[in-house]
């Protein structure tokens, strides 16, 4: 649940912002957003995330 709720909220926000945008641009936005989320999660899980940004 810790990952699912922010992911759904982010995708809903992308959908709301991109309502007038062509489908290929929406798809690219979703792909880039998910890639950023995955990179951040991998960095955090492998202790490579900067100490200043870690949750306490």
Protein backbone atom coordinates (compact mmCIF):
# COMPACT_ATOMS: atom_id res chain seq x y z
CA UNK A 1 0.00 0.00 0.00
CA UNK A 2 2.89 2.33 0.69
CA UNK A 3 3.79 2.34 -3.00
CA UNK A 4 0.39 1.78 -4.59
CA UNK A 5 -1.45 4.89 -3.35
CA UNK A 6 1.19 7.47 -4.47
CA UNK A 7 1.49 5.66 -7.80
CA UNK A 8 -2.26 5.85 -8.44
CA UNK A 9 -2.37 9.48 -7.33
CA UNK A 10 0.53 10.35 -9.66
CA UNK A 11 -1.05 8.61 -12.62
CA UNK A 12 -4.37 10.36 -11.94
CA UNK A 13 -2.58 13.71 -11.83
CA UNK A 14 -0.83 12.98 -15.12
CA UNK A 15 -4.21 12.07 -16.64
CA UNK A 16 -5.83 15.28 -15.42
CA UNK A 17 -2.99 17.49 -16.65
CA UNK A 18 -2.72 15.81 -20.03
CA UNK A 19 -6.37 15.69 -21.04
CA UNK A 20 -5.79 17.75 -24.20
CA UNK A 21 -2.45 16.13 -25.04
CA UNK A 22 -2.09 13.49 -27.81
CA UNK A 23 -1.90 9.85 -26.73
CA UNK A 24 1.74 9.37 -27.65
CA UNK A 25 2.75 12.32 -25.44
CA UNK A 26 0.65 10.93 -22.56
CA UNK A 27 2.25 7.53 -22.97
CA UNK A 28 5.73 9.03 -22.95
CA UNK A 29 4.88 11.05 -19.82
CA UNK A 30 3.66 7.94 -18.02
CA UNK A 31 6.76 5.96 -19.07
CA UNK A 32 9.14 8.68 -17.89
CA UNK A 33 7.27 9.13 -14.61
CA UNK A 34 7.31 5.40 -13.87
CA UNK A 35 11.01 5.22 -14.76
CA UNK A 36 11.78 8.03 -12.31
CA UNK A 37 9.78 6.26 -9.59
CA UNK A 38 11.62 2.99 -10.21
CA UNK A 39 15.04 4.69 -10.15
CA UNK A 40 14.24 6.47 -6.89
CA UNK A 41 13.00 3.23 -5.30
CA UNK A 42 16.09 1.32 -6.42
CA UNK A 43 18.39 4.01 -5.06
CA UNK A 44 16.53 4.10 -1.76
CA UNK A 45 16.38 0.32 -1.33
CA UNK A 46 20.10 -0.11 -2.12
CA UNK A 47 21.21 2.63 0.32
CA UNK A 48 22.51 4.83 -2.49
CA UNK A 49 19.99 7.61 -1.80
CA UNK A 50 21.55 10.75 -0.22
CA UNK A 51 21.22 10.89 3.55
CA UNK A 52 19.54 14.31 3.44
CA UNK A 53 16.59 12.92 1.43
CA UNK A 54 15.96 9.77 3.48
CA UNK A 55 12.80 9.35 5.48
CA UNK A 56 13.32 9.15 9.19
